[in-house]
Amino acid sequence: MSTDDQDDALFKALGHRARRHILDLLKNGPQTTGHLCEAIPQMDRCTVMQHLKVLEKAGLVVVERRGRERWNHLDALPIHGVHERWIGPYAAYAANMLGALRKNVETGGKTPVRAEGGSDDSANG
């Protein structure tokens, strides 16, 4: 699967509130499919299983079978990859801009407002 296909699967998985709710439940630790169904009574078991399949395809859920039980484990590495690729660089750029703005205010407007270490559009490239 290409990186673009993996990203598409990840964003599709994160794009539905029920799947985000399942991930929130799994943050506390692995859950059996039965426990997840009990925690989401507004969904039938088949629907929960369909959402889990999308999460598994996106790499967000790893399944472990123990006898008749299916244990679902959260794998947050794909979300970390999104942070590293998109959020981190923009957050660093924004922090640099805020630092430059603060310096400008402290010097009475005599310092140009520019993020340190790059041009004003460094977050775009």
PDB file of N, CA and C in Angstrom:
ATOM      1  N   MET A   1       0.847  -1.172   0.000  1.00  0.00           N
ATOM      2  CA  MET A   1       0.000   0.000   0.000  1.00  0.00           C
ATOM      3  C   MET A   1       0.896   1.240   0.000  1.00  0.00           C
ATOM      4  N   SER A   2       0.616   2.184  -0.902  1.00  0.00           N
ATOM      5  CA  SER A   2       1.424   3.400  -0.988  1.00  0.00           C
ATOM      6  C   SER A   2       1.159   4.306   0.211  1.00  0.00           C
ATOM      7  N   THR A   3       2.045   5.268   0.399  1.00  0.00           N
ATOM      8  CA  THR A   3       1.882   6.217   1.498  1.00  0.00           C
ATOM      9  C   THR A   3       0.585   6.996   1.350  1.00  0.00           C
ATOM     10  N   ASP A   4       0.261   7.390   0.128  1.00  0.00           N
ATOM     11  CA  ASP A   4      -0.990   8.123  -0.101  1.00  0.00           C
ATOM     12  C   ASP A   4      -2.196   7.256   0.244  1.00  0.00           C
ATOM     13  N   ASP A   5      -2.155   5.973  -0.116  1.00  0.00           N
ATOM     14  CA  ASP A   5      -3.254   5.067   0.215  1.00  0.00           C
ATOM     15  C   ASP A   5      -3.368   4.882   1.728  1.00  0.00           C
ATOM     16  N   GLN A   6      -2.228   4.788   2.410  1.00  0.00           N
ATOM     17  CA  GLN A   6      -2.242   4.661   3.865  1.00  0.00           C
ATOM     18  C   GLN A   6      -2.825   5.911   4.510  1.00  0.00           C
ATOM     19  N   ASP A   7      -2.431   7.081   4.003  1.00  0.00           N
ATOM     20  CA  ASP A   7      -2.979   8.334   4.529  1.00  0.00           C
ATOM     21  C   ASP A   7      -4.480   8.408   4.294  1.00  0.00           C
ATOM     22  N   ASP A   8      -4.928   8.000   3.104  1.00  0.00           N
ATOM     23  CA  ASP A   8      -6.363   8.006   2.810  1.00  0.00           C
ATOM     24  C   ASP A   8      -7.122   7.109   3.776  1.00  0.00           C
ATOM     25  N   ALA A   9      -6.593   5.921   4.036  1.00  0.00           N
ATOM     26  CA  ALA A   9      -7.244   4.990   4.961  1.00  0.00           C
ATOM     27  C   ALA A   9      -7.270   5.565   6.379  1.00  0.00           C
ATOM     28  N   LEU A  10      -6.178   6.212   6.774  1.00  0.00           N
ATOM     29  CA  LEU A  10      -6.104   6.806   8.108  1.00  0.00           C
ATOM     30  C   LEU A  10      -7.127   7.925   8.269  1.00  0.00           C
ATOM     31  N   PHE A  11      -7.173   8.839   7.312  1.00  0.00           N
ATOM     32  CA  PHE A  11      -8.113   9.956   7.427  1.00  0.00           C
ATOM     33  C   PHE A  11      -9.559   9.498   7.288  1.00  0.00           C
ATOM     34  N   LYS A  12      -9.799   8.458   6.493  1.00  0.00           N
ATOM     35  CA  LYS A  12     -11.149   7.893   6.416  1.00  0.00           C
ATOM     36  C   LYS A  12     -11.538   7.345   7.785  1.00  0.00           C
ATOM     37  N   ALA A  13     -10.613   6.632   8.425  1.00  0.00           N
ATOM     38  CA  ALA A  13     -10.899   6.047   9.737  1.00  0.00           C
ATOM     39  C   ALA A  13     -11.166   7.128  10.771  1.00  0.00           C
ATOM     40  N   LEU A  14     -10.385   8.193  10.754  1.00  0.00           N
ATOM     41  CA  LEU A  14     -10.542   9.261  11.743  1.00  0.00           C
ATOM     42  C   LEU A  14     -11.720  10.184  11.422  1.00  0.00           C
ATOM     43  N   GLY A  15     -12.256  10.068  10.215  1.00  0.00           N
ATOM     44  CA  GLY A  15     -13.312  10.962   9.777  1.00  0.00           C
ATOM     45  C   GLY A  15     -14.697  10.643  10.304  1.00  0.00           C
ATOM     46  N   HIS A  16     -14.856   9.553  11.034  1.00  0.00           N
ATOM     47  CA  HIS A  16     -16.182   9.177  11.537  1.00  0.00           C
ATOM     48  C   HIS A  16     -16.171   9.220  13.061  1.00  0.00           C
ATOM     49  N   ARG A  17     -17.178   9.876  13.635  1.00  0.00           N
ATOM     50  CA  ARG A  17     -17.204  10.056  15.095  1.00  0.00           C
ATOM     51  C   ARG A  17     -17.289   8.738  15.850  1.00  0.00           C
ATOM     52  N   ALA A  18     -17.953   7.746  15.300  1.00  0.00           N
ATOM     53  CA  ALA A  18     -18.046   6.453  15.995  1.00  0.00           C
ATOM     54  C   ALA A  18     -16.666   5.801  16.097  1.00  0.00           C
ATOM     55  N   ARG A  19     -15.872   5.912  15.037  1.00  0.00           N
ATOM     56  CA  ARG A  19     -14.527   5.333  15.073  1.00  0.00           C
ATOM     57  C   ARG A  19     -13.625   6.104  16.037  1.00  0.00           C
ATOM     58  N   ARG A  20     -13.776   7.425  16.071  1.00  0.00           N
ATOM     59  CA  ARG A  20     -12.998   8.206  17.050  1.00  0.00           C
ATOM     60  C   ARG A  20     -13.408   7.823  18.471  1.00  0.00           C
ATOM     61  N   HIS A  21     -14.683   7.549  18.686  1.00  0.00           N
ATOM     62  CA  HIS A  21     -15.156   7.120  20.004  1.00  0.00           C
ATOM     63  C   HIS A  21     -14.542   5.765  20.380  1.00  0.00           C
ATOM     64  N   ILE A  22     -14.487   4.863  19.428  1.00  0.00           N
ATOM     65  CA  ILE A  22     -13.862   3.554  19.681  1.00  0.00           C
ATOM     66  C   ILE A  22     -12.393   3.745  20.044  1.00  0.00           C
ATOM     67  N   LEU A  23     -11.694   4.611  19.333  1.00  0.00           N
ATOM     68  CA  LEU A  23     -10.288   4.873  19.655  1.00  0.00           C
ATOM     69  C   LEU A  23     -10.146   5.469  21.053  1.00  0.00           C
ATOM     70  N   ASP A  24     -11.065   6.351  21.426  1.00  0.00           N
ATOM     71  CA  ASP A  24     -11.044   6.915  22.784  1.00  0.00           C
ATOM     72  C   ASP A  24     -11.209   5.813  23.828  1.00  0.00           C
ATOM     73  N   LEU A  25     -12.074   4.855  23.556  1.00  0.00           N
ATOM     74  CA  LEU A  25     -12.269   3.733  24.485  1.00  0.00           C
ATOM     75  C   LEU A  25     -11.007   2.879  24.589  1.00  0.00           C
ATOM     76  N   LEU A  26     -10.303   2.741  23.473  1.00  0.00           N
ATOM     77  CA  LEU A  26      -9.097   1.904  23.457  1.00  0.00           C
ATOM     78  C   LEU A  26      -7.879   2.609  24.049  1.00  0.00           C
ATOM     79  N   LYS A  27      -7.958   3.937  24.239  1.00  0.00           N
ATOM     80  CA  LYS A  27      -6.844   4.649  24.876  1.00  0.00           C
ATOM     81  C   LYS A  27      -6.585   4.134  26.288  1.00  0.00           C
ATOM     82  N   ASN A  28      -7.619   3.678  26.944  1.00  0.00           N
ATOM     83  CA  ASN A  28      -7.493   3.195  28.322  1.00  0.00           C
ATOM     84  C   ASN A  28      -6.922   1.790  28.408  1.00  0.00           C
ATOM     85  N   GLY A  29      -6.789   1.128  27.286  1.00  0.00           N
ATOM     86  CA  GLY A  29      -6.247  -0.221  27.254  1.00  0.00           C
ATOM     87  C   GLY A  29      -7.033  -1.092  26.300  1.00  0.00           C
ATOM     88  N   PRO A  30      -6.503  -2.274  25.996  1.00  0.00           N
ATOM     89  CA  PRO A  30      -7.174  -3.184  25.065  1.00  0.00           C
ATOM     90  C   PRO A  30      -8.570  -3.549  25.560  1.00  0.00           C
ATOM     91  N   GLN A  31      -9.470  -3.743  24.617  1.00  0.00           N
ATOM     92  CA  GLN A  31     -10.850  -4.122  24.917  1.00  0.00           C
ATOM     93  C   GLN A  31     -11.259  -5.267  24.000  1.00  0.00           C
ATOM     94  N   THR A  32     -12.084  -6.133  24.527  1.00  0.00           N
ATOM     95  CA  THR A  32     -12.671  -7.147  23.653  1.00  0.00           C
ATOM     96  C   THR A  32     -13.749  -6.467  22.818  1.00  0.00           C
ATOM     97  N   THR A  33     -14.083  -7.100  21.719  1.00  0.00           N
ATOM     98  CA  THR A  33     -15.151  -6.562  20.884  1.00  0.00           C
ATOM     99  C   THR A  33     -16.455  -6.519  21.674  1.00  0.00           C
ATOM    100  N   GLY A  34     -16.690  -7.512  22.514  1.00  0.00           N
ATOM    101  CA  GLY A  34     -17.892  -7.531  23.350  1.00  0.00           C
ATOM    102  C   GLY A  34     -17.953  -6.344  24.293  1.00  0.00           C
ATOM    103  N   HIS A  35     -16.828  -5.997  24.910  1.00  0.00           N
ATOM    104  CA  HIS A  35     -16.795  -4.837  25.803  1.00  0.00           C
ATOM    105  C   HIS A  35     -17.062  -3.544  25.035  1.00  0.00           C
ATOM    106  N   LEU A  36     -16.514  -3.442  23.832  1.00  0.00           N
ATOM    107  CA  LEU A  36     -16.766  -2.254  23.021  1.00  0.00           C
ATOM    108  C   LEU A  36     -18.244  -2.146  22.657  1.00  0.00           C
ATOM    109  N   CYS A  37     -18.852  -3.275  22.346  1.00  0.00           N
ATOM    110  CA  CYS A  37     -20.287  -3.275  22.016  1.00  0.00           C
ATOM    111  C   CYS A  37     -21.118  -2.842  23.218  1.00  0.00           C
ATOM    112  N   GLU A  38     -20.740  -3.288  24.402  1.00  0.00           N
ATOM    113  CA  GLU A  38     -21.450  -2.876  25.616  1.00  0.00           C
ATOM    114  C   GLU A  38     -21.274  -1.380  25.879  1.00  0.00           C
ATOM    115  N   ALA A  39     -20.103  -0.851  25.545  1.00  0.00           N
ATOM    116  CA  ALA A  39     -19.822   0.559  25.794  1.00  0.00           C
ATOM    117  C   ALA A  39     -20.516   1.478  24.788  1.00  0.00           C
ATOM    118  N   ILE A  40     -20.966   0.901  23.676  1.00  0.00           N
ATOM    119  CA  ILE A  40     -21.640   1.690  22.635  1.00  0.00           C
ATOM    120  C   ILE A  40     -22.989   1.027  22.337  1.00  0.00           C
ATOM    121  N   PRO A  41     -23.938   1.134  23.262  1.00  0.00           N
ATOM    122  CA  PRO A  41     -25.205   0.417  23.097  1.00  0.00           C
ATOM    123  C   PRO A  41     -26.058   0.899  21.929  1.00  0.00           C
ATOM    124  N   GLN A  42     -25.802   2.107  21.416  1.00  0.00           N
ATOM    125  CA  GLN A  42     -26.584   2.610  20.292  1.00  0.00           C
ATOM    126  C   GLN A  42     -26.204   1.958  18.967  1.00  0.00           C
ATOM    127  N   MET A  43     -25.132   1.145  18.962  1.00  0.00           N
ATOM    128  CA  MET A  43     -24.704   0.441  17.750  1.00  0.00           C
ATOM    129  C   MET A  43     -24.820  -1.060  17.962  1.00  0.00           C
ATOM    130  N   ASP A  44     -25.257  -1.760  16.926  1.00  0.00           N
ATOM    131  CA  ASP A  44     -25.288  -3.220  17.034  1.00  0.00           C
ATOM    132  C   ASP A  44     -23.889  -3.778  16.787  1.00  0.00           C
ATOM    133  N   ARG A  45     -23.706  -5.035  17.120  1.00  0.00           N
ATOM    134  CA  ARG A  45     -22.387  -5.673  17.034  1.00  0.00           C
ATOM    135  C   ARG A  45     -21.818  -5.635  15.623  1.00  0.00           C
ATOM    136  N   CYS A  46     -22.659  -5.834  14.635  1.00  0.00           N
ATOM    137  CA  CYS A  46     -22.213  -5.834  13.239  1.00  0.00           C
ATOM    138  C   CYS A  46     -21.624  -4.467  12.856  1.00  0.00           C
ATOM    139  N   THR A  47     -22.268  -3.398  13.291  1.00  0.00           N
ATOM    140  CA  THR A  47     -21.789  -2.054  12.987  1.00  0.00           C
ATOM    141  C   THR A  47     -20.462  -1.777  13.685  1.00  0.00           C
ATOM    142  N   VAL A  48     -20.339  -2.192  14.941  1.00  0.00           N
ATOM    143  CA  VAL A  48     -19.079  -2.026  15.663  1.00  0.00           C
ATOM    144  C   VAL A  48     -17.967  -2.782  14.929  1.00  0.00           C
ATOM    145  N   MET A  49     -18.258  -3.992  14.490  1.00  0.00           N
ATOM    146  CA  MET A  49     -17.263  -4.794  13.767  1.00  0.00           C
ATOM    147  C   MET A  49     -16.846  -4.109  12.461  1.00  0.00           C
ATOM    148  N   GLN A  50     -17.798  -3.496  11.759  1.00  0.00           N
ATOM    149  CA  GLN A  50     -17.460  -2.790  10.522  1.00  0.00           C
ATOM    150  C   GLN A  50     -16.532  -1.608  10.809  1.00  0.00           C
ATOM    151  N   HIS A  51     -16.810  -0.866  11.880  1.00  0.00           N
ATOM    152  CA  HIS A  51     -15.938   0.251  12.244  1.00  0.00           C
ATOM    153  C   HIS A  51     -14.551  -0.256  12.647  1.00  0.00           C
ATOM    154  N   LEU A  52     -14.509  -1.350  13.376  1.00  0.00           N
ATOM    155  CA  LEU A  52     -13.211  -1.918  13.768  1.00  0.00           C
ATOM    156  C   LEU A  52     -12.404  -2.359  12.550  1.00  0.00           C
ATOM    157  N   LYS A  53     -13.088  -2.876  11.544  1.00  0.00           N
ATOM    158  CA  LYS A  53     -12.399  -3.304  10.318  1.00  0.00           C
ATOM    159  C   LYS A  53     -11.753  -2.101   9.624  1.00  0.00           C
ATOM    160  N   VAL A  54     -12.443  -0.954   9.582  1.00  0.00           N
ATOM    161  CA  VAL A  54     -11.880   0.257   8.979  1.00  0.00           C
ATOM    162  C   VAL A  54     -10.676   0.725   9.795  1.00  0.00           C
ATOM    163  N   LEU A  55     -10.796   0.697  11.128  1.00  0.00           N
ATOM    164  CA  LEU A  55      -9.694   1.102  12.001  1.00  0.00           C
ATOM    165  C   LEU A  55      -8.493   0.170  11.843  1.00  0.00           C
ATOM    166  N   GLU A  56      -8.766  -1.115  11.693  1.00  0.00           N
ATOM    167  CA  GLU A  56      -7.687  -2.091  11.506  1.00  0.00           C
ATOM    168  C   GLU A  56      -6.983  -1.870  10.171  1.00  0.00           C
ATOM    169  N   LYS A  57      -7.747  -1.612   9.120  1.00  0.00           N
ATOM    170  CA  LYS A  57      -7.162  -1.372   7.797  1.00  0.00           C
ATOM    171  C   LYS A  57      -6.269  -0.133   7.823  1.00  0.00           C
ATOM    172  N   ALA A  58      -6.638   0.860   8.635  1.00  0.00           N
ATOM    173  CA  ALA A  58      -5.860   2.092   8.745  1.00  0.00           C
ATOM    174  C   ALA A  58      -4.646   1.925   9.654  1.00  0.00           C
ATOM    175  N   GLY A  59      -4.525   0.770  10.301  1.00  0.00           N
ATOM    176  CA  GLY A  59      -3.394   0.527  11.185  1.00  0.00           C
ATOM    177  C   GLY A  59      -3.564   1.102  12.577  1.00  0.00           C
ATOM    178  N   LEU A  60      -4.776   1.552  12.904  1.00  0.00           N
ATOM    179  CA  LEU A  60      -5.032   2.151  14.214  1.00  0.00           C
ATOM    180  C   LEU A  60      -5.421   1.129  15.268  1.00  0.00           C
ATOM    181  N   VAL A  61      -5.857  -0.032  14.834  1.00  0.00           N
ATOM    182  CA  VAL A  61      -6.246  -1.106  15.750  1.00  0.00           C
ATOM    183  C   VAL A  61      -5.519  -2.376  15.338  1.00  0.00           C
ATOM    184  N   VAL A  62      -4.938  -3.019  16.331  1.00  0.00           N
ATOM    185  CA  VAL A  62      -4.288  -4.312  16.127  1.00  0.00           C
ATOM    186  C   VAL A  62      -5.125  -5.337  16.879  1.00  0.00           C
ATOM    187  N   VAL A  63      -5.445  -6.425  16.199  1.00  0.00           N
ATOM    188  CA  VAL A  63      -6.313  -7.448  16.780  1.00  0.00           C
ATOM    189  C   VAL A  63      -5.480  -8.615  17.284  1.00  0.00           C
ATOM    190  N   GLU A  64      -5.824  -9.066  18.477  1.00  0.00           N
ATOM    191  CA  GLU A  64      -5.200 -10.250  19.074  1.00  0.00           C
ATOM    192  C   GLU A  64      -6.327 -11.212  19.446  1.00  0.00           C
ATOM    193  N   ARG A  65      -6.209 -12.416  18.958  1.00  0.00           N
ATOM    194  CA  ARG A  65      -7.233 -13.419  19.291  1.00  0.00           C
ATOM    195  C   ARG A  65      -6.743 -14.288  20.437  1.00  0.00           C
ATOM    196  N   ARG A  66      -7.591 -14.399  21.453  1.00  0.00           N
ATOM    197  CA  ARG A  66      -7.322 -15.282  22.594  1.00  0.00           C
ATOM    198  C   ARG A  66      -8.523 -16.205  22.735  1.00  0.00           C
ATOM    199  N   GLY A  67      -8.352 -17.395  22.228  1.00  0.00           N
ATOM    200  CA  GLY A  67      -9.491 -18.318  22.239  1.00  0.00           C
ATOM    201  C   GLY A  67     -10.615 -17.759  21.395  1.00  0.00           C
ATOM    202  N   ARG A  68     -11.778 -17.612  22.011  1.00  0.00           N
ATOM    203  CA  ARG A  68     -12.928 -17.069  21.295  1.00  0.00           C
ATOM    204  C   ARG A  68     -13.002 -15.546  21.365  1.00  0.00           C
ATOM    205  N   GLU A  69     -12.130 -14.961  22.146  1.00  0.00           N
ATOM    206  CA  GLU A  69     -12.173 -13.514  22.318  1.00  0.00           C
ATOM    207  C   GLU A  69     -11.279 -12.802  21.303  1.00  0.00           C
ATOM    208  N   ARG A  70     -11.745 -11.660  20.881  1.00  0.00           N
ATOM    209  CA  ARG A  70     -10.989 -10.792  19.972  1.00  0.00           C
ATOM    210  C   ARG A  70     -10.651  -9.531  20.763  1.00  0.00           C
ATOM    211  N   TRP A  71      -9.368  -9.358  21.067  1.00  0.00           N
ATOM    212  CA  TRP A  71      -8.897  -8.194  21.806  1.00  0.00           C
ATOM    213  C   TRP A  71      -8.411  -7.137  20.825  1.00  0.00           C
ATOM    214  N   ASN A  72      -8.871  -5.929  20.998  1.00  0.00           N
ATOM    215  CA  ASN A  72      -8.541  -4.821  20.122  1.00  0.00           C
ATOM    216  C   ASN A  72      -7.589  -3.881  20.866  1.00  0.00           C
ATOM    217  N   HIS A  73      -6.440  -3.630  20.259  1.00  0.00           N
ATOM    218  CA  HIS A  73      -5.404  -2.776  20.846  1.00  0.00           C
ATOM    219  C   HIS A  73      -5.248  -1.530  19.992  1.00  0.00           C
ATOM    220  N   LEU A  74      -5.113  -0.380  20.633  1.00  0.00           N
ATOM    221  CA  LEU A  74      -4.851   0.864  19.925  1.00  0.00           C
ATOM    222  C   LEU A  74      -3.392   0.903  19.484  1.00  0.00           C
ATOM    223  N   ASP A  75      -3.168   1.294  18.242  1.00  0.00           N
ATOM    224  CA  ASP A  75      -1.818   1.565  17.747  1.00  0.00           C
ATOM    225  C   ASP A  75      -1.811   3.026  17.309  1.00  0.00           C
ATOM    226  N   ALA A  76      -1.230   3.882  18.118  1.00  0.00           N
ATOM    227  CA  ALA A  76      -1.255   5.322  17.857  1.00  0.00           C
ATOM    228  C   ALA A  76      -0.144   5.790  16.918  1.00  0.00           C
ATOM    229  N   LEU A  77       0.699   4.894  16.437  1.00  0.00           N
ATOM    230  CA  LEU A  77       1.800   5.311  15.560  1.00  0.00           C
ATOM    231  C   LEU A  77       1.333   6.034  14.290  1.00  0.00           C
ATOM    232  N   PRO A  78       0.249   5.586  13.633  1.00  0.00           N
ATOM    233  CA  PRO A  78      -0.194   6.346  12.456  1.00  0.00           C
ATOM    234  C   PRO A  78      -0.590   7.789  12.794  1.00  0.00           C
ATOM    235  N   ILE A  79      -1.182   8.002  13.961  1.00  0.00           N
ATOM    236  CA  ILE A  79      -1.558   9.358  14.373  1.00  0.00           C
ATOM    237  C   ILE A  79      -0.290  10.168  14.655  1.00  0.00           C
ATOM    238  N   HIS A  80       0.701   9.536  15.245  1.00  0.00           N
ATOM    239  CA  HIS A  80       1.975  10.205  15.492  1.00  0.00           C
ATOM    240  C   HIS A  80       2.617  10.629  14.161  1.00  0.00           C
ATOM    241  N   GLY A  81       2.481   9.784  13.152  1.00  0.00           N
ATOM    242  CA  GLY A  81       2.998  10.120  11.828  1.00  0.00           C
ATOM    243  C   GLY A  81       2.340  11.363  11.254  1.00  0.00           C
ATOM    244  N   VAL A  82       1.030  11.504  11.469  1.00  0.00           N
ATOM    245  CA  VAL A  82       0.321  12.706  11.027  1.00  0.00           C
ATOM    246  C   VAL A  82       0.872  13.919  11.759  1.00  0.00           C
ATOM    247  N   HIS A  83       1.094  13.778  13.048  1.00  0.00           N
ATOM    248  CA  HIS A  83       1.641  14.880  13.836  1.00  0.00           C
ATOM    249  C   HIS A  83       3.023  15.279  13.316  1.00  0.00           C
ATOM    250  N   GLU A  84       3.865  14.296  13.082  1.00  0.00           N
ATOM    251  CA  GLU A  84       5.220  14.578  12.606  1.00  0.00           C
ATOM    252  C   GLU A  84       5.212  15.246  11.232  1.00  0.00           C
ATOM    253  N   ARG A  85       4.306  14.816  10.374  1.00  0.00           N
ATOM    254  CA  ARG A  85       4.300  15.323   9.003  1.00  0.00           C
ATOM    255  C   ARG A  85       3.648  16.690   8.877  1.00  0.00           C
ATOM    256  N   TRP A  86       2.525  16.902   9.573  1.00  0.00           N
ATOM    257  CA  TRP A  86       1.769  18.125   9.345  1.00  0.00           C
ATOM    258  C   TRP A  86       1.685  19.050  10.559  1.00  0.00           C
ATOM    259  N   ILE A  87       1.405  18.528  11.706  1.00  0.00           N
ATOM    260  CA  ILE A  87       1.134  19.388  12.858  1.00  0.00           C
ATOM    261  C   ILE A  87       2.414  19.968  13.443  1.00  0.00           C
ATOM    262  N   GLY A  88       3.422  19.138  13.664  1.00  0.00           N
ATOM    263  CA  GLY A  88       4.659  19.595  14.281  1.00  0.00           C
ATOM    264  C   GLY A  88       5.302  20.771  13.583  1.00  0.00           C
ATOM    265  N   PRO A  89       5.524  20.686  12.260  1.00  0.00           N
ATOM    266  CA  PRO A  89       6.158  21.817  11.575  1.00  0.00           C
ATOM    267  C   PRO A  89       5.343  23.113  11.653  1.00  0.00           C
ATOM    268  N   TYR A  90       4.009  23.004  11.554  1.00  0.00           N
ATOM    269  CA  TYR A  90       3.182  24.204  11.641  1.00  0.00           C
ATOM    270  C   TYR A  90       3.162  24.760  13.057  1.00  0.00           C
ATOM    271  N   ALA A  91       3.163  23.900  14.054  1.00  0.00           N
ATOM    272  CA  ALA A  91       3.196  24.363  15.440  1.00  0.00           C
ATOM    273  C   ALA A  91       4.511  25.074  15.729  1.00  0.00           C
ATOM    274  N   ALA A  92       5.622  24.531  15.243  1.00  0.00           N
ATOM    275  CA  ALA A  92       6.925  25.172  15.449  1.00  0.00           C
ATOM    276  C   ALA A  92       6.957  26.530  14.752  1.00  0.00           C
ATOM    277  N   TYR A  93       6.428  26.601  13.555  1.00  0.00           N
ATOM    278  CA  TYR A  93       6.383  27.864  12.823  1.00  0.00           C
ATOM    279  C   TYR A  93       5.540  28.888  13.584  1.00  0.00           C
ATOM    280  N   ALA A  94       4.370  28.469  14.077  1.00  0.00           N
ATOM    281  CA  ALA A  94       3.499  29.381  14.821  1.00  0.00           C
ATOM    282  C   ALA A  94       4.185  29.868  16.095  1.00  0.00           C
ATOM    283  N   ALA A  95       4.872  28.986  16.795  1.00  0.00           N
ATOM    284  CA  ALA A  95       5.588  29.384  18.012  1.00  0.00           C
ATOM    285  C   ALA A  95       6.684  30.388  17.688  1.00  0.00           C
ATOM    286  N   ASN A  96       7.403  30.167  16.599  1.00  0.00           N
ATOM    287  CA  ASN A  96       8.438  31.119  16.174  1.00  0.00           C
ATOM    288  C   ASN A  96       7.839  32.482  15.836  1.00  0.00           C
ATOM    289  N   MET A  97       6.698  32.474  15.162  1.00  0.00           N
ATOM    290  CA  MET A  97       6.032  33.734  14.819  1.00  0.00           C
ATOM    291  C   MET A  97       5.578  34.466  16.076  1.00  0.00           C
ATOM    292  N   LEU A  98       5.038  33.753  17.043  1.00  0.00           N
ATOM    293  CA  LEU A  98       4.619  34.386  18.294  1.00  0.00           C
ATOM    294  C   LEU A  98       5.811  34.968  19.040  1.00  0.00           C
ATOM    295  N   GLY A  99       6.938  34.251  19.020  1.00  0.00           N
ATOM    296  CA  GLY A  99       8.161  34.772  19.642  1.00  0.00           C
ATOM    297  C   GLY A  99       8.634  36.045  18.967  1.00  0.00           C
ATOM    298  N   ALA A 100       8.570  36.056  17.640  1.00  0.00           N
ATOM    299  CA  ALA A 100       8.975  37.247  16.891  1.00  0.00           C
ATOM    300  C   ALA A 100       8.029  38.414  17.165  1.00  0.00           C
ATOM    301  N   LEU A 101       6.735  38.130  17.264  1.00  0.00           N
ATOM    302  CA  LEU A 101       5.757  39.172  17.569  1.00  0.00           C
ATOM    303  C   LEU A 101       6.007  39.750  18.960  1.00  0.00           C
ATOM    304  N   ARG A 102       6.287  38.873  19.911  1.00  0.00           N
ATOM    305  CA  ARG A 102       6.577  39.331  21.269  1.00  0.00           C
ATOM    306  C   ARG A 102       7.815  40.242  21.273  1.00  0.00           C
ATOM    307  N   LYS A 103       8.844  39.824  20.556  1.00  0.00           N
ATOM    308  CA  LYS A 103      10.075  40.624  20.481  1.00  0.00           C
ATOM    309  C   LYS A 103       9.778  41.980  19.857  1.00  0.00           C
ATOM    310  N   ASN A 104       8.931  41.992  18.829  1.00  0.00           N
ATOM    311  CA  ASN A 104       8.543  43.230  18.169  1.00  0.00           C
ATOM    312  C   ASN A 104       7.823  44.156  19.137  1.00  0.00           C
ATOM    313  N   VAL A 105       6.908  43.623  19.916  1.00  0.00           N
ATOM    314  CA  VAL A 105       6.159  44.421  20.890  1.00  0.00           C
ATOM    315  C   VAL A 105       7.105  44.970  21.956  1.00  0.00           C
ATOM    316  N   GLU A 106       8.007  44.130  22.429  1.00  0.00           N
ATOM    317  CA  GLU A 106       8.947  44.543  23.480  1.00  0.00           C
ATOM    318  C   GLU A 106       9.916  45.615  23.004  1.00  0.00           C
ATOM    319  N   THR A 107      10.225  45.645  21.719  1.00  0.00           N
ATOM    320  CA  THR A 107      11.167  46.645  21.196  1.00  0.00           C
ATOM    321  C   THR A 107      10.436  47.853  20.620  1.00  0.00           C
ATOM    322  N   GLY A 108       9.140  47.917  20.842  1.00  0.00           N
ATOM    323  CA  GLY A 108       8.368  49.071  20.366  1.00  0.00           C
ATOM    324  C   GLY A 108       8.145  49.086  18.871  1.00  0.00           C
ATOM    325  N   GLY A 109       8.118  47.922  18.257  1.00  0.00           N
ATOM    326  CA  GLY A 109       7.841  47.829  16.825  1.00  0.00           C
ATOM    327  C   GLY A 109       9.043  48.052  15.936  1.00  0.00           C
ATOM    328  N   LYS A 110      10.238  48.023  16.522  1.00  0.00           N
ATOM    329  CA  LYS A 110      11.445  48.266  15.738  1.00  0.00           C
ATOM    330  C   LYS A 110      12.038  47.001  15.138  1.00  0.00           C
ATOM    331  N   THR A 111      11.489  45.851  15.526  1.00  0.00           N
ATOM    332  CA  THR A 111      11.987  44.579  15.023  1.00  0.00           C
ATOM    333  C   THR A 111      10.954  44.001  14.060  1.00  0.00           C
ATOM    334  N   PRO A 112      11.359  43.637  12.842  1.00  0.00           N
ATOM    335  CA  PRO A 112      10.374  43.051  11.917  1.00  0.00           C
ATOM    336  C   PRO A 112       9.853  41.715  12.458  1.00  0.00           C
ATOM    337  N   VAL A 113       8.571  41.470  12.217  1.00  0.00           N
ATOM    338  CA  VAL A 113       7.957  40.220  12.674  1.00  0.00           C
ATOM    339  C   VAL A 113       8.225  39.150  11.636  1.00  0.00           C
ATOM    340  N   ARG A 114       9.152  38.280  11.951  1.00  0.00           N
ATOM    341  CA  ARG A 114       9.523  37.154  11.087  1.00  0.00           C
ATOM    342  C   ARG A 114       9.871  35.993  11.963  1.00  0.00           C
ATOM    343  N   ALA A 115       9.437  34.819  11.569  1.00  0.00           N
ATOM    344  CA  ALA A 115       9.817  33.624  12.311  1.00  0.00           C
ATOM    345  C   ALA A 115      11.324  33.445  12.200  1.00  0.00           C
ATOM    346  N   GLU A 116      11.933  33.133  13.312  1.00  0.00           N
ATOM    347  CA  GLU A 116      13.387  32.927  13.300  1.00  0.00           C
ATOM    348  C   GLU A 116      13.717  31.646  12.561  1.00  0.00           C
ATOM    349  N   GLY A 117      14.794  31.680  11.810  1.00  0.00           N
ATOM    350  CA  GLY A 117      15.260  30.478  11.138  1.00  0.00           C
ATOM    351  C   GLY A 117      14.634  30.228   9.802  1.00  0.00           C
ATOM    352  N   GLY A 118      13.891  31.193   9.242  1.00  0.00           N
ATOM    353  CA  GLY A 118      13.306  30.949   7.929  1.00  0.00           C
ATOM    354  C   GLY A 118      12.462  32.116   7.469  1.00  0.00           C
ATOM    355  N   SER A 119      11.925  31.989   6.286  1.00  0.00           N
ATOM    356  CA  SER A 119      11.073  33.026   5.742  1.00  0.00           C
ATOM    357  C   SER A 119       9.673  32.883   6.291  1.00  0.00           C
ATOM    358  N   ASP A 120       8.813  33.847   5.994  1.00  0.00           N
ATOM    359  CA  ASP A 120       7.453  33.844   6.500  1.00  0.00           C
ATOM    360  C   ASP A 120       6.630  32.679   5.974  1.00  0.00           C
ATOM    361  N   ASP A 121       7.041  32.055   4.878  1.00  0.00           N
ATOM    362  CA  ASP A 121       6.269  30.925   4.341  1.00  0.00           C
ATOM    363  C   ASP A 121       6.990  29.600   4.549  1.00  0.00           C
ATOM    364  N   SER A 122       7.840  29.494   5.563  1.00  0.00           N
ATOM    365  CA  SER A 122       8.605  28.268   5.769  1.00  0.00           C
ATOM    366  C   SER A 122       7.728  27.085   6.146  1.00  0.00           C
ATOM    367  N   ALA A 123       6.535  27.323   6.672  1.00  0.00           N
ATOM    368  CA  ALA A 123       5.651  26.205   7.029  1.00  0.00           C
ATOM    369  C   ALA A 123       5.034  25.572   5.795  1.00  0.00           C
ATOM    370  N   ASN A 124       5.109  26.225   4.665  1.00  0.00           N
ATOM    371  CA  ASN A 124       4.501  25.687   3.453  1.00  0.00           C
ATOM    372  C   ASN A 124       5.439  24.796   2.672  1.00  0.00           C
ATOM    373  N   GLY A 125       6.654  24.653   3.081  1.00  0.00           N
ATOM    374  CA  GLY A 125       7.576  23.866   2.279  1.00  0.00           C
ATOM    375  C   GLY A 125       8.384  23.052   3.136  1.00  0.00           C
TER     376      GLY A 125
END
